[in-house]
Amino acid sequence: MEPMQHPVTLEVRVARTRILISDLSGEAIPDGKGATIRITFHDQRKGVRELDVTDAEAEGFGERQSKRRGRRPKPA
């Protein structure tokens, strides 16, 4: 009786990259140059919507900035 031959399997691992695309213009957002716009409705049943945009597109939205939350840093 001949010994059983096992088939040779070759596994190749490939790195995956994630490319973000702007929801407004459709262009690619470079790493570290994007923003997320979060829309919350007063009617809670509608939920929350989020848009991925570039920095330039995000600058055009909104007139006021939100105050930062959390503790103030201690003076040095």
PDB file of N, CA and C in Angstrom:
ATOM      1  N   MET A   1       0.833  -1.172   0.000  1.00  0.00           N
ATOM      2  CA  MET A   1       0.000   0.000   0.000  1.00  0.00           C
ATOM      3  C   MET A   1       0.888   1.250   0.000  1.00  0.00           C
ATOM      4  N   GLU A   2       0.522   2.218  -0.816  1.00  0.00           N
ATOM      5  CA  GLU A   2       1.306   3.450  -0.906  1.00  0.00           C
ATOM      6  C   GLU A   2       0.886   4.425   0.188  1.00  0.00           C
ATOM      7  N   PRO A   3       1.841   5.215   0.698  1.00  0.00           N
ATOM      8  CA  PRO A   3       1.453   6.227   1.701  1.00  0.00           C
ATOM      9  C   PRO A   3       0.582   7.306   1.057  1.00  0.00           C
ATOM     10  N   MET A   4      -0.366   7.861   1.844  1.00  0.00           N
ATOM     11  CA  MET A   4      -1.267   8.900   1.317  1.00  0.00           C
ATOM     12  C   MET A   4      -0.511  10.202   1.108  1.00  0.00           C
ATOM     13  N   GLN A   5      -0.736  10.818   0.009  1.00  0.00           N
ATOM     14  CA  GLN A   5      -0.118  12.110  -0.295  1.00  0.00           C
ATOM     15  C   GLN A   5      -1.113  13.205   0.038  1.00  0.00           C
ATOM     16  N   HIS A   6      -0.694  14.188   0.822  1.00  0.00           N
ATOM     17  CA  HIS A   6      -1.553  15.306   1.174  1.00  0.00           C
ATOM     18  C   HIS A   6      -1.347  16.433   0.169  1.00  0.00           C
ATOM     19  N   PRO A   7      -2.421  17.059  -0.259  1.00  0.00           N
ATOM     20  CA  PRO A   7      -2.248  18.163  -1.207  1.00  0.00           C
ATOM     21  C   PRO A   7      -1.545  19.341  -0.525  1.00  0.00           C
ATOM     22  N   VAL A   8      -0.750  20.039  -1.293  1.00  0.00           N
ATOM     23  CA  VAL A   8      -0.019  21.190  -0.781  1.00  0.00           C
ATOM     24  C   VAL A   8      -0.921  22.410  -0.897  1.00  0.00           C
ATOM     25  N   THR A   9      -1.107  23.131   0.209  1.00  0.00           N
ATOM     26  CA  THR A   9      -1.907  24.354   0.174  1.00  0.00           C
ATOM     27  C   THR A   9      -0.989  25.541   0.389  1.00  0.00           C
ATOM     28  N   LEU A  10      -1.219  26.559  -0.339  1.00  0.00           N
ATOM     29  CA  LEU A  10      -0.426  27.776  -0.246  1.00  0.00           C
ATOM     30  C   LEU A  10      -1.351  28.912   0.172  1.00  0.00           C
ATOM     31  N   GLU A  11      -1.021  29.565   1.270  1.00  0.00           N
ATOM     32  CA  GLU A  11      -1.846  30.656   1.769  1.00  0.00           C
ATOM     33  C   GLU A  11      -1.061  31.951   1.625  1.00  0.00           C
ATOM     34  N   VAL A  12      -1.669  32.914   0.971  1.00  0.00           N
ATOM     35  CA  VAL A  12      -1.024  34.203   0.766  1.00  0.00           C
ATOM     36  C   VAL A  12      -1.820  35.245   1.529  1.00  0.00           C
ATOM     37  N   ARG A  13      -1.144  36.009   2.369  1.00  0.00           N
ATOM     38  CA  ARG A  13      -1.804  37.083   3.105  1.00  0.00           C
ATOM     39  C   ARG A  13      -1.459  38.405   2.453  1.00  0.00           C
ATOM     40  N   VAL A  14      -2.480  39.223   2.265  1.00  0.00           N
ATOM     41  CA  VAL A  14      -2.310  40.518   1.623  1.00  0.00           C
ATOM     42  C   VAL A  14      -2.800  41.594   2.576  1.00  0.00           C
ATOM     43  N   ALA A  15      -2.041  42.664   2.693  1.00  0.00           N
ATOM     44  CA  ALA A  15      -2.458  43.785   3.540  1.00  0.00           C
ATOM     45  C   ALA A  15      -3.651  44.478   2.897  1.00  0.00           C
ATOM     46  N   ARG A  16      -4.590  44.887   3.728  1.00  0.00           N
ATOM     47  CA  ARG A  16      -5.771  45.591   3.223  1.00  0.00           C
ATOM     48  C   ARG A  16      -5.691  47.052   3.621  1.00  0.00           C
ATOM     49  N   THR A  17      -6.039  47.905   2.714  1.00  0.00           N
ATOM     50  CA  THR A  17      -6.077  49.332   3.018  1.00  0.00           C
ATOM     51  C   THR A  17      -7.504  49.810   2.879  1.00  0.00           C
ATOM     52  N   ARG A  18      -7.866  50.778   3.690  1.00  0.00           N
ATOM     53  CA  ARG A  18      -9.207  51.340   3.635  1.00  0.00           C
ATOM     54  C   ARG A  18      -9.100  52.734   3.032  1.00  0.00           C
ATOM     55  N   ILE A  19      -9.855  52.960   1.998  1.00  0.00           N
ATOM     56  CA  ILE A  19      -9.877  54.260   1.338  1.00  0.00           C
ATOM     57  C   ILE A  19     -11.227  54.892   1.614  1.00  0.00           C
ATOM     58  N   LEU A  20     -11.213  56.076   2.244  1.00  0.00           N
ATOM     59  CA  LEU A  20     -12.456  56.798   2.507  1.00  0.00           C
ATOM     60  C   LEU A  20     -12.788  57.686   1.313  1.00  0.00           C
ATOM     61  N   ILE A  21     -14.043  57.721   0.958  1.00  0.00           N
ATOM     62  CA  ILE A  21     -14.534  58.552  -0.135  1.00  0.00           C
ATOM     63  C   ILE A  21     -15.509  59.551   0.460  1.00  0.00           C
ATOM     64  N   SER A  22     -15.384  60.814   0.053  1.00  0.00           N
ATOM     65  CA  SER A  22     -16.269  61.859   0.547  1.00  0.00           C
ATOM     66  C   SER A  22     -17.693  61.593   0.089  1.00  0.00           C
ATOM     67  N   ASP A  23     -18.641  61.731   1.022  1.00  0.00           N
ATOM     68  CA  ASP A  23     -20.048  61.541   0.683  1.00  0.00           C
ATOM     69  C   ASP A  23     -20.605  62.720  -0.110  1.00  0.00           C
ATOM     70  N   LEU A  24     -19.943  63.861  -0.076  1.00  0.00           N
ATOM     71  CA  LEU A  24     -20.436  65.038  -0.791  1.00  0.00           C
ATOM     72  C   LEU A  24     -19.858  65.152  -2.196  1.00  0.00           C
ATOM     73  N   SER A  25     -18.526  65.057  -2.316  1.00  0.00           N
ATOM     74  CA  SER A  25     -17.905  65.274  -3.620  1.00  0.00           C
ATOM     75  C   SER A  25     -17.514  63.990  -4.329  1.00  0.00           C
ATOM     76  N   GLY A  26     -17.353  62.893  -3.606  1.00  0.00           N
ATOM     77  CA  GLY A  26     -16.969  61.639  -4.232  1.00  0.00           C
ATOM     78  C   GLY A  26     -15.473  61.469  -4.405  1.00  0.00           C
ATOM     79  N   GLU A  27     -14.661  62.397  -3.902  1.00  0.00           N
ATOM     80  CA  GLU A  27     -13.206  62.265  -4.031  1.00  0.00           C
ATOM     81  C   GLU A  27     -12.631  61.530  -2.827  1.00  0.00           C
ATOM     82  N   ALA A  28     -11.438  60.957  -3.011  1.00  0.00           N
ATOM     83  CA  ALA A  28     -10.784  60.203  -1.945  1.00  0.00           C
ATOM     84  C   ALA A  28     -10.301  61.151  -0.853  1.00  0.00           C
ATOM     85  N   ILE A  29     -10.402  60.705   0.401  1.00  0.00           N
ATOM     86  CA  ILE A  29      -9.971  61.502   1.548  1.00  0.00           C
ATOM     87  C   ILE A  29      -8.622  60.954   2.000  1.00  0.00           C
ATOM     88  N   PRO A  30      -7.542  61.774   1.941  1.00  0.00           N
ATOM     89  CA  PRO A  30      -6.237  61.287   2.404  1.00  0.00           C
ATOM     90  C   PRO A  30      -6.245  61.027   3.909  1.00  0.00           C
ATOM     91  N   ASP A  31      -5.308  60.190   4.367  1.00  0.00           N
ATOM     92  CA  ASP A  31      -5.214  59.874   5.798  1.00  0.00           C
ATOM     93  C   ASP A  31      -4.962  61.139   6.602  1.00  0.00           C
ATOM     94  N   GLY A  32      -5.738  61.323   7.666  1.00  0.00           N
ATOM     95  CA  GLY A  32      -5.569  62.467   8.548  1.00  0.00           C
ATOM     96  C   GLY A  32      -6.152  63.759   8.022  1.00  0.00           C
ATOM     97  N   LYS A  33      -6.799  63.738   6.878  1.00  0.00           N
ATOM     98  CA  LYS A  33      -7.349  64.962   6.277  1.00  0.00           C
ATOM     99  C   LYS A  33      -8.856  64.898   6.117  1.00  0.00           C
ATOM    100  N   GLY A  34      -9.523  64.134   6.946  1.00  0.00           N
ATOM    101  CA  GLY A  34     -10.960  63.999   6.807  1.00  0.00           C
ATOM    102  C   GLY A  34     -11.694  64.373   8.075  1.00  0.00           C
ATOM    103  N   ALA A  35     -12.995  64.448   7.963  1.00  0.00           N
ATOM    104  CA  ALA A  35     -13.848  64.774   9.102  1.00  0.00           C
ATOM    105  C   ALA A  35     -15.150  63.996   8.952  1.00  0.00           C
ATOM    106  N   THR A  36     -15.845  63.846  10.069  1.00  0.00           N
ATOM    107  CA  THR A  36     -17.155  63.209  10.070  1.00  0.00           C
ATOM    108  C   THR A  36     -18.174  64.221  10.556  1.00  0.00           C
ATOM    109  N   ILE A  37     -19.207  64.438   9.765  1.00  0.00           N
ATOM    110  CA  ILE A  37     -20.287  65.340  10.140  1.00  0.00           C
ATOM    111  C   ILE A  37     -21.416  64.472  10.681  1.00  0.00           C
ATOM    112  N   ARG A  38     -21.841  64.749  11.893  1.00  0.00           N
ATOM    113  CA  ARG A  38     -22.884  63.958  12.553  1.00  0.00           C
ATOM    114  C   ARG A  38     -24.147  64.796  12.637  1.00  0.00           C
ATOM    115  N   ILE A  39     -25.239  64.258  12.127  1.00  0.00           N
ATOM    116  CA  ILE A  39     -26.524  64.949  12.120  1.00  0.00           C
ATOM    117  C   ILE A  39     -27.461  64.211  13.062  1.00  0.00           C
ATOM    118  N   THR A  40     -27.935  64.911  14.079  1.00  0.00           N
ATOM    119  CA  THR A  40     -28.905  64.323  15.003  1.00  0.00           C
ATOM    120  C   THR A  40     -30.227  65.060  14.835  1.00  0.00           C
ATOM    121  N   PHE A  41     -31.301  64.318  14.778  1.00  0.00           N
ATOM    122  CA  PHE A  41     -32.627  64.889  14.608  1.00  0.00           C
ATOM    123  C   PHE A  41     -33.270  65.115  15.968  1.00  0.00           C
ATOM    124  N   HIS A  42     -34.147  66.113  16.052  1.00  0.00           N
ATOM    125  CA  HIS A  42     -34.884  66.337  17.291  1.00  0.00           C
ATOM    126  C   HIS A  42     -35.858  65.196  17.544  1.00  0.00           C
ATOM    127  N   ASP A  43     -36.371  64.610  16.480  1.00  0.00           N
ATOM    128  CA  ASP A  43     -37.222  63.428  16.591  1.00  0.00           C
ATOM    129  C   ASP A  43     -36.290  62.216  16.699  1.00  0.00           C
ATOM    130  N   GLN A  44     -36.196  61.634  17.875  1.00  0.00           N
ATOM    131  CA  GLN A  44     -35.236  60.570  18.136  1.00  0.00           C
ATOM    132  C   GLN A  44     -35.485  59.313  17.297  1.00  0.00           C
ATOM    133  N   ARG A  45     -36.689  59.165  16.793  1.00  0.00           N
ATOM    134  CA  ARG A  45     -36.990  57.970  16.007  1.00  0.00           C
ATOM    135  C   ARG A  45     -36.270  57.965  14.669  1.00  0.00           C
ATOM    136  N   LYS A  46     -35.855  59.137  14.188  1.00  0.00           N
ATOM    137  CA  LYS A  46     -35.141  59.195  12.909  1.00  0.00           C
ATOM    138  C   LYS A  46     -33.693  58.776  13.038  1.00  0.00           C
ATOM    139  N   GLY A  47     -33.161  58.776  14.246  1.00  0.00           N
ATOM    140  CA  GLY A  47     -31.799  58.305  14.453  1.00  0.00           C
ATOM    141  C   GLY A  47     -30.743  59.356  14.143  1.00  0.00           C
ATOM    142  N   VAL A  48     -29.556  58.895  13.807  1.00  0.00           N
ATOM    143  CA  VAL A  48     -28.401  59.752  13.566  1.00  0.00           C
ATOM    144  C   VAL A  48     -27.828  59.423  12.193  1.00  0.00           C
ATOM    145  N   ARG A  49     -27.414  60.430  11.452  1.00  0.00           N
ATOM    146  CA  ARG A  49     -26.768  60.243  10.151  1.00  0.00           C
ATOM    147  C   ARG A  49     -25.345  60.768  10.247  1.00  0.00           C
ATOM    148  N   GLU A  50     -24.401  60.127   9.554  1.00  0.00           N
ATOM    149  CA  GLU A  50     -23.019  60.577   9.543  1.00  0.00           C
ATOM    150  C   GLU A  50     -22.541  60.683   8.107  1.00  0.00           C
ATOM    151  N   LEU A  51     -21.768  61.731   7.841  1.00  0.00           N
ATOM    152  CA  LEU A  51     -21.180  61.957   6.528  1.00  0.00           C
ATOM    153  C   LEU A  51     -19.667  62.017   6.669  1.00  0.00           C
ATOM    154  N   ASP A  52     -18.940  61.332   5.794  1.00  0.00           N
ATOM    155  CA  ASP A  52     -17.488  61.447   5.738  1.00  0.00           C
ATOM    156  C   ASP A  52     -17.156  62.510   4.691  1.00  0.00           C
ATOM    157  N   VAL A  53     -16.399  63.525   5.093  1.00  0.00           N
ATOM    158  CA  VAL A  53     -16.062  64.635   4.196  1.00  0.00           C
ATOM    159  C   VAL A  53     -14.589  64.990   4.340  1.00  0.00           C
ATOM    160  N   THR A  54     -14.081  65.777   3.388  1.00  0.00           N
ATOM    161  CA  THR A  54     -12.714  66.275   3.476  1.00  0.00           C
ATOM    162  C   THR A  54     -12.678  67.473   4.420  1.00  0.00           C
ATOM    163  N   ASP A  55     -11.468  67.867   4.822  1.00  0.00           N
ATOM    164  CA  ASP A  55     -11.322  69.023   5.706  1.00  0.00           C
ATOM    165  C   ASP A  55     -11.893  70.290   5.080  1.00  0.00           C
ATOM    166  N   ALA A  56     -11.642  70.485   3.803  1.00  0.00           N
ATOM    167  CA  ALA A  56     -12.119  71.693   3.129  1.00  0.00           C
ATOM    168  C   ALA A  56     -13.643  71.749   3.097  1.00  0.00           C
ATOM    169  N   GLU A  57     -14.282  70.614   2.868  1.00  0.00           N
ATOM    170  CA  GLU A  57     -15.744  70.583   2.849  1.00  0.00           C
ATOM    171  C   GLU A  57     -16.312  70.816   4.244  1.00  0.00           C
ATOM    172  N   ALA A  58     -15.654  70.306   5.272  1.00  0.00           N
ATOM    173  CA  ALA A  58     -16.136  70.463   6.640  1.00  0.00           C
ATOM    174  C   ALA A  58     -16.025  71.911   7.106  1.00  0.00           C
ATOM    175  N   GLU A  59     -15.033  72.642   6.629  1.00  0.00           N
ATOM    176  CA  GLU A  59     -14.869  74.045   7.021  1.00  0.00           C
ATOM    177  C   GLU A  59     -16.048  74.895   6.557  1.00  0.00           C
ATOM    178  N   GLY A  60     -16.696  74.513   5.475  1.00  0.00           N
ATOM    179  CA  GLY A  60     -17.809  75.280   4.944  1.00  0.00           C
ATOM    180  C   GLY A  60     -19.111  75.078   5.699  1.00  0.00           C
ATOM    181  N   PHE A  61     -19.168  74.101   6.585  1.00  0.00           N
ATOM    182  CA  PHE A  61     -20.386  73.820   7.333  1.00  0.00           C
ATOM    183  C   PHE A  61     -20.370  74.520   8.671  1.00  0.00           C
ATOM    184  N   GLY A  62     -21.512  75.024   9.051  1.00  0.00           N
ATOM    185  CA  GLY A  62     -21.689  75.555  10.402  1.00  0.00           C
ATOM    186  C   GLY A  62     -20.995  76.869  10.653  1.00  0.00           C
ATOM    187  N   GLU A  63     -21.634  77.702  11.421  1.00  0.00           N
ATOM    188  CA  GLU A  63     -21.085  79.002  11.772  1.00  0.00           C
ATOM    189  C   GLU A  63     -20.479  79.008  13.163  1.00  0.00           C
ATOM    190  N   ARG A  64     -20.916  78.110  14.008  1.00  0.00           N
ATOM    191  CA  ARG A  64     -20.427  78.124  15.383  1.00  0.00           C
ATOM    192  C   ARG A  64     -19.716  76.813  15.692  1.00  0.00           C
ATOM    193  N   GLN A  65     -18.728  76.923  16.564  1.00  0.00           N
ATOM    194  CA  GLN A  65     -18.027  75.733  17.014  1.00  0.00           C
ATOM    195  C   GLN A  65     -18.582  75.321  18.370  1.00  0.00           C
ATOM    196  N   SER A  66     -18.594  74.045  18.617  1.00  0.00           N
ATOM    197  CA  SER A  66     -19.035  73.558  19.924  1.00  0.00           C
ATOM    198  C   SER A  66     -17.908  73.749  20.918  1.00  0.00           C
ATOM    199  N   LYS A  67     -18.285  73.980  22.161  1.00  0.00           N
ATOM    200  CA  LYS A  67     -17.266  74.107  23.193  1.00  0.00           C
ATOM    201  C   LYS A  67     -16.703  72.734  23.501  1.00  0.00           C
ATOM    202  N   ARG A  68     -15.442  72.716  23.870  1.00  0.00           N
ATOM    203  CA  ARG A  68     -14.804  71.461  24.215  1.00  0.00           C
ATOM    204  C   ARG A  68     -15.348  70.966  25.540  1.00  0.00           C
ATOM    205  N   ARG A  69     -15.500  69.671  25.642  1.00  0.00           N
ATOM    206  CA  ARG A  69     -16.038  69.093  26.857  1.00  0.00           C
ATOM    207  C   ARG A  69     -14.910  68.506  27.688  1.00  0.00           C
ATOM    208  N   GLY A  70     -15.173  68.357  28.970  1.00  0.00           N
ATOM    209  CA  GLY A  70     -14.205  67.741  29.858  1.00  0.00           C
ATOM    210  C   GLY A  70     -13.551  68.774  30.774  1.00  0.00           C
ATOM    211  N   ARG A  71     -12.590  68.304  31.549  1.00  0.00           N
ATOM    212  CA  ARG A  71     -11.908  69.197  32.489  1.00  0.00           C
ATOM    213  C   ARG A  71     -10.964  70.145  31.775  1.00  0.00           C
ATOM    214  N   ARG A  72     -10.801  71.299  32.376  1.00  0.00           N
ATOM    215  CA  ARG A  72      -9.795  72.224  31.867  1.00  0.00           C
ATOM    216  C   ARG A  72      -8.420  71.728  32.287  1.00  0.00           C
ATOM    217  N   PRO A  73      -7.423  71.930  31.459  1.00  0.00           N
ATOM    218  CA  PRO A  73      -6.093  71.480  31.847  1.00  0.00           C
ATOM    219  C   PRO A  73      -5.552  72.339  32.995  1.00  0.00           C
ATOM    220  N   LYS A  74      -4.772  71.710  33.870  1.00  0.00           N
ATOM    221  CA  LYS A  74      -4.179  72.447  35.003  1.00  0.00           C
ATOM    222  C   LYS A  74      -3.094  73.379  34.482  1.00  0.00           C
ATOM    223  N   PRO A  75      -2.989  74.568  35.118  1.00  0.00           N
ATOM    224  CA  PRO A  75      -1.913  75.469  34.685  1.00  0.00           C
ATOM    225  C   PRO A  75      -0.542  74.885  35.037  1.00  0.00           C
ATOM    226  N   ALA A  76       0.398  75.128  34.178  1.00  0.00           N
ATOM    227  CA  ALA A  76       1.744  74.536  34.374  1.00  0.00           C
ATOM    228  C   ALA A  76       2.564  75.270  35.396  1.00  0.00           C
TER     229      ALA A  76
END
